[in-house]
Amino acid sequence: MELQSLQQFFMWCTIICGTFYTISAVMCVFAGNWIYTVHSRWFPMPRETFTVVLYGYLGFFKILFIVFILVPWLALLMIG
């Protein structure tokens, strides 16, 4: 596979996953009560537990995004 193709692939992965992360974070901040209301119908849990789960989700997603998508793209840009 060409270096240019890998750079393009990781660039688009970065854009798509970065957009998804940003939308998720904004929704958690501004629509947290609505998200809790919807999910508490399916999975009854205290609000504090739900907040910890959301925080863990955002942190885990961010770490995966940085390690497996952003860093490889930056490395490909540096060697290209």
N, C-alpha and C. Protein backbone atom coordinates (compact mmCIF):
# COMPACT_ATOMS: atom_id res chain seq x y z
N MET A 1 0.84 -1.17 0.00
CA MET A 1 0.00 0.00 0.00
C MET A 1 0.89 1.24 0.00
N GLU A 2 0.50 2.23 -0.75
CA GLU A 2 1.27 3.46 -0.85
C GLU A 2 1.16 4.30 0.40
N LEU A 3 2.21 5.07 0.65
CA LEU A 3 2.22 5.97 1.80
C LEU A 3 1.13 7.03 1.67
N GLN A 4 0.93 7.51 0.46
CA GLN A 4 -0.10 8.53 0.21
C GLN A 4 -1.50 7.99 0.54
N SER A 5 -1.76 6.75 0.18
CA SER A 5 -3.06 6.14 0.47
C SER A 5 -3.28 5.99 1.97
N LEU A 6 -2.24 5.59 2.69
CA LEU A 6 -2.35 5.47 4.15
C LEU A 6 -2.58 6.82 4.80
N GLN A 7 -1.88 7.84 4.29
CA GLN A 7 -2.09 9.18 4.83
C GLN A 7 -3.52 9.65 4.62
N GLN A 8 -4.05 9.40 3.43
CA GLN A 8 -5.44 9.78 3.15
C GLN A 8 -6.42 9.01 4.02
N PHE A 9 -6.17 7.72 4.20
CA PHE A 9 -7.04 6.89 5.02
C PHE A 9 -7.08 7.40 6.46
N PHE A 10 -5.92 7.62 7.05
CA PHE A 10 -5.87 8.08 8.44
C PHE A 10 -6.36 9.52 8.58
N MET A 11 -6.20 10.33 7.54
CA MET A 11 -6.74 11.68 7.59
C MET A 11 -8.26 11.64 7.70
N TRP A 12 -8.89 10.83 6.85
CA TRP A 12 -10.34 10.74 6.88
C TRP A 12 -10.84 10.06 8.16
N CYS A 13 -10.09 9.09 8.66
CA CYS A 13 -10.45 8.49 9.95
C CYS A 13 -10.40 9.53 11.06
N THR A 14 -9.37 10.38 11.02
CA THR A 14 -9.24 11.43 12.02
C THR A 14 -10.41 12.41 11.94
N ILE A 15 -10.77 12.80 10.75
CA ILE A 15 -11.87 13.74 10.57
C ILE A 15 -13.19 13.14 11.05
N ILE A 16 -13.47 11.91 10.64
CA ILE A 16 -14.74 11.28 10.99
C ILE A 16 -14.82 10.99 12.49
N CYS A 17 -13.79 10.39 13.05
CA CYS A 17 -13.81 10.05 14.48
C CYS A 17 -13.73 11.30 15.35
N GLY A 18 -12.98 12.30 14.92
CA GLY A 18 -12.92 13.56 15.66
C GLY A 18 -14.26 14.27 15.68
N THR A 19 -14.96 14.23 14.56
CA THR A 19 -16.30 14.81 14.50
C THR A 19 -17.26 14.05 15.40
N PHE A 20 -17.19 12.73 15.36
CA PHE A 20 -18.06 11.91 16.21
C PHE A 20 -17.78 12.17 17.69
N TYR A 21 -16.50 12.28 18.05
CA TYR A 21 -16.15 12.56 19.45
C TYR A 21 -16.65 13.94 19.87
N THR A 22 -16.47 14.92 19.02
CA THR A 22 -16.91 16.27 19.34
C THR A 22 -18.42 16.34 19.53
N ILE A 23 -19.16 15.70 18.65
CA ILE A 23 -20.62 15.67 18.77
C ILE A 23 -21.03 14.95 20.05
N SER A 24 -20.37 13.85 20.36
CA SER A 24 -20.68 13.11 21.59
C SER A 24 -20.41 13.95 22.82
N ALA A 25 -19.28 14.63 22.85
CA ALA A 25 -18.93 15.45 24.01
C ALA A 25 -19.90 16.61 24.17
N VAL A 26 -20.26 17.26 23.07
CA VAL A 26 -21.20 18.38 23.13
C VAL A 26 -22.57 17.89 23.60
N MET A 27 -23.00 16.74 23.10
CA MET A 27 -24.29 16.20 23.54
C MET A 27 -24.27 15.85 25.02
N CYS A 28 -23.16 15.29 25.50
CA CYS A 28 -23.08 14.94 26.92
C CYS A 28 -23.10 16.19 27.80
N VAL A 29 -22.51 17.27 27.32
CA VAL A 29 -22.47 18.50 28.10
C VAL A 29 -23.82 19.21 28.08
N PHE A 30 -24.41 19.37 26.90
CA PHE A 30 -25.61 20.19 26.78
C PHE A 30 -26.91 19.41 26.85
N ALA A 31 -26.87 18.11 26.61
CA ALA A 31 -28.10 17.31 26.63
C ALA A 31 -27.98 16.14 27.60
N GLY A 32 -27.19 16.30 28.64
CA GLY A 32 -26.95 15.22 29.59
C GLY A 32 -28.21 14.74 30.27
N ASN A 33 -29.09 15.66 30.64
CA ASN A 33 -30.34 15.26 31.31
C ASN A 33 -31.24 14.46 30.37
N TRP A 34 -31.31 14.89 29.12
CA TRP A 34 -32.13 14.17 28.15
C TRP A 34 -31.57 12.76 27.90
N ILE A 35 -30.25 12.67 27.76
CA ILE A 35 -29.61 11.37 27.55
C ILE A 35 -29.86 10.47 28.74
N TYR A 36 -29.75 11.03 29.95
CA TYR A 36 -30.01 10.24 31.16
C TYR A 36 -31.46 9.76 31.20
N THR A 37 -32.40 10.62 30.84
CA THR A 37 -33.82 10.24 30.85
C THR A 37 -34.09 9.09 29.88
N VAL A 38 -33.53 9.19 28.70
CA VAL A 38 -33.74 8.13 27.70
C VAL A 38 -33.13 6.82 28.16
N HIS A 39 -31.88 6.86 28.62
CA HIS A 39 -31.19 5.63 28.99
C HIS A 39 -31.68 5.04 30.31
N SER A 40 -32.17 5.89 31.19
CA SER A 40 -32.63 5.35 32.48
C SER A 40 -33.92 4.54 32.32
N ARG A 41 -34.61 4.72 31.22
CA ARG A 41 -35.78 3.87 30.94
C ARG A 41 -35.35 2.45 30.64
N TRP A 42 -34.22 2.30 29.95
CA TRP A 42 -33.73 0.98 29.57
C TRP A 42 -32.91 0.34 30.68
N PHE A 43 -32.06 1.15 31.28
CA PHE A 43 -31.13 0.65 32.30
C PHE A 43 -31.25 1.53 33.55
N PRO A 44 -32.10 1.15 34.48
CA PRO A 44 -32.25 2.00 35.67
C PRO A 44 -30.96 2.05 36.49
N MET A 45 -30.49 3.27 36.73
CA MET A 45 -29.28 3.48 37.53
C MET A 45 -29.33 4.89 38.09
N PRO A 46 -28.61 5.13 39.18
CA PRO A 46 -28.56 6.49 39.74
C PRO A 46 -27.85 7.46 38.79
N ARG A 47 -28.19 8.72 38.90
CA ARG A 47 -27.61 9.75 38.05
C ARG A 47 -26.09 9.80 38.20
N GLU A 48 -25.57 9.62 39.41
CA GLU A 48 -24.13 9.68 39.64
C GLU A 48 -23.41 8.57 38.88
N THR A 49 -23.99 7.39 38.88
CA THR A 49 -23.40 6.27 38.14
C THR A 49 -23.40 6.55 36.65
N PHE A 50 -24.49 7.11 36.16
CA PHE A 50 -24.59 7.43 34.74
C PHE A 50 -23.54 8.48 34.35
N THR A 51 -23.31 9.45 35.22
CA THR A 51 -22.31 10.47 34.94
C THR A 51 -20.91 9.86 34.86
N VAL A 52 -20.61 8.93 35.75
CA VAL A 52 -19.31 8.25 35.72
C VAL A 52 -19.17 7.43 34.44
N VAL A 53 -20.23 6.76 34.04
CA VAL A 53 -20.19 5.96 32.80
C VAL A 53 -19.95 6.86 31.60
N LEU A 54 -20.64 7.99 31.51
CA LEU A 54 -20.44 8.92 30.40
C LEU A 54 -19.01 9.46 30.38
N TYR A 55 -18.50 9.83 31.55
CA TYR A 55 -17.15 10.34 31.64
C TYR A 55 -16.14 9.27 31.22
N GLY A 56 -16.37 8.04 31.65
CA GLY A 56 -15.49 6.94 31.25
C GLY A 56 -15.54 6.68 29.76
N TYR A 57 -16.74 6.75 29.18
CA TYR A 57 -16.90 6.57 27.73
C TYR A 57 -16.11 7.62 26.96
N LEU A 58 -16.27 8.88 27.34
CA LEU A 58 -15.57 9.95 26.63
C LEU A 58 -14.06 9.82 26.77
N GLY A 59 -13.60 9.48 27.96
CA GLY A 59 -12.16 9.32 28.18
C GLY A 59 -11.59 8.15 27.40
N PHE A 60 -12.29 7.01 27.42
CA PHE A 60 -11.83 5.82 26.70
C PHE A 60 -11.82 6.06 25.19
N PHE A 61 -12.87 6.71 24.68
CA PHE A 61 -12.94 7.00 23.25
C PHE A 61 -11.81 7.95 22.85
N LYS A 62 -11.53 8.94 23.68
CA LYS A 62 -10.47 9.90 23.36
C LYS A 62 -9.11 9.22 23.33
N ILE A 63 -8.85 8.34 24.29
CA ILE A 63 -7.57 7.63 24.31
C ILE A 63 -7.43 6.75 23.07
N LEU A 64 -8.48 5.99 22.73
CA LEU A 64 -8.43 5.16 21.52
C LEU A 64 -8.23 6.00 20.27
N PHE A 65 -8.91 7.12 20.20
CA PHE A 65 -8.80 8.02 19.06
C PHE A 65 -7.37 8.54 18.91
N ILE A 66 -6.79 8.98 19.99
CA ILE A 66 -5.42 9.53 19.93
C ILE A 66 -4.41 8.44 19.58
N VAL A 67 -4.50 7.29 20.26
CA VAL A 67 -3.47 6.25 20.10
C VAL A 67 -3.56 5.56 18.74
N PHE A 68 -4.77 5.23 18.30
CA PHE A 68 -4.91 4.40 17.10
C PHE A 68 -5.24 5.15 15.82
N ILE A 69 -5.58 6.43 15.91
CA ILE A 69 -5.94 7.16 14.69
C ILE A 69 -5.08 8.41 14.51
N LEU A 70 -5.05 9.27 15.52
CA LEU A 70 -4.35 10.54 15.37
C LEU A 70 -2.83 10.37 15.31
N VAL A 71 -2.27 9.60 16.23
CA VAL A 71 -0.81 9.42 16.25
C VAL A 71 -0.30 8.72 14.99
N PRO A 72 -0.95 7.64 14.50
CA PRO A 72 -0.45 7.06 13.24
C PRO A 72 -0.52 8.03 12.06
N TRP A 73 -1.56 8.85 12.01
CA TRP A 73 -1.67 9.83 10.92
C TRP A 73 -0.54 10.85 11.01
N LEU A 74 -0.27 11.34 12.22
CA LEU A 74 0.83 12.30 12.39
C LEU A 74 2.18 11.66 12.06
N ALA A 75 2.36 10.41 12.43
CA ALA A 75 3.61 9.72 12.11
C ALA A 75 3.77 9.56 10.61
N LEU A 76 2.70 9.21 9.93
CA LEU A 76 2.76 9.08 8.46
C LEU A 76 3.05 10.42 7.81
N LEU A 77 2.50 11.50 8.36
CA LEU A 77 2.80 12.81 7.82
C LEU A 77 4.27 13.17 8.01
N MET A 78 4.83 12.80 9.15
CA MET A 78 6.24 13.14 9.42
C MET A 78 7.19 12.35 8.52
N ILE A 79 6.89 11.06 8.25
CA ILE A 79 7.80 10.30 7.40
C ILE A 79 7.58 10.56 5.92
N GLY A 80 6.40 11.14 5.59
CA GLY A 80 6.09 11.40 4.19
C GLY A 80 6.74 12.65 3.76
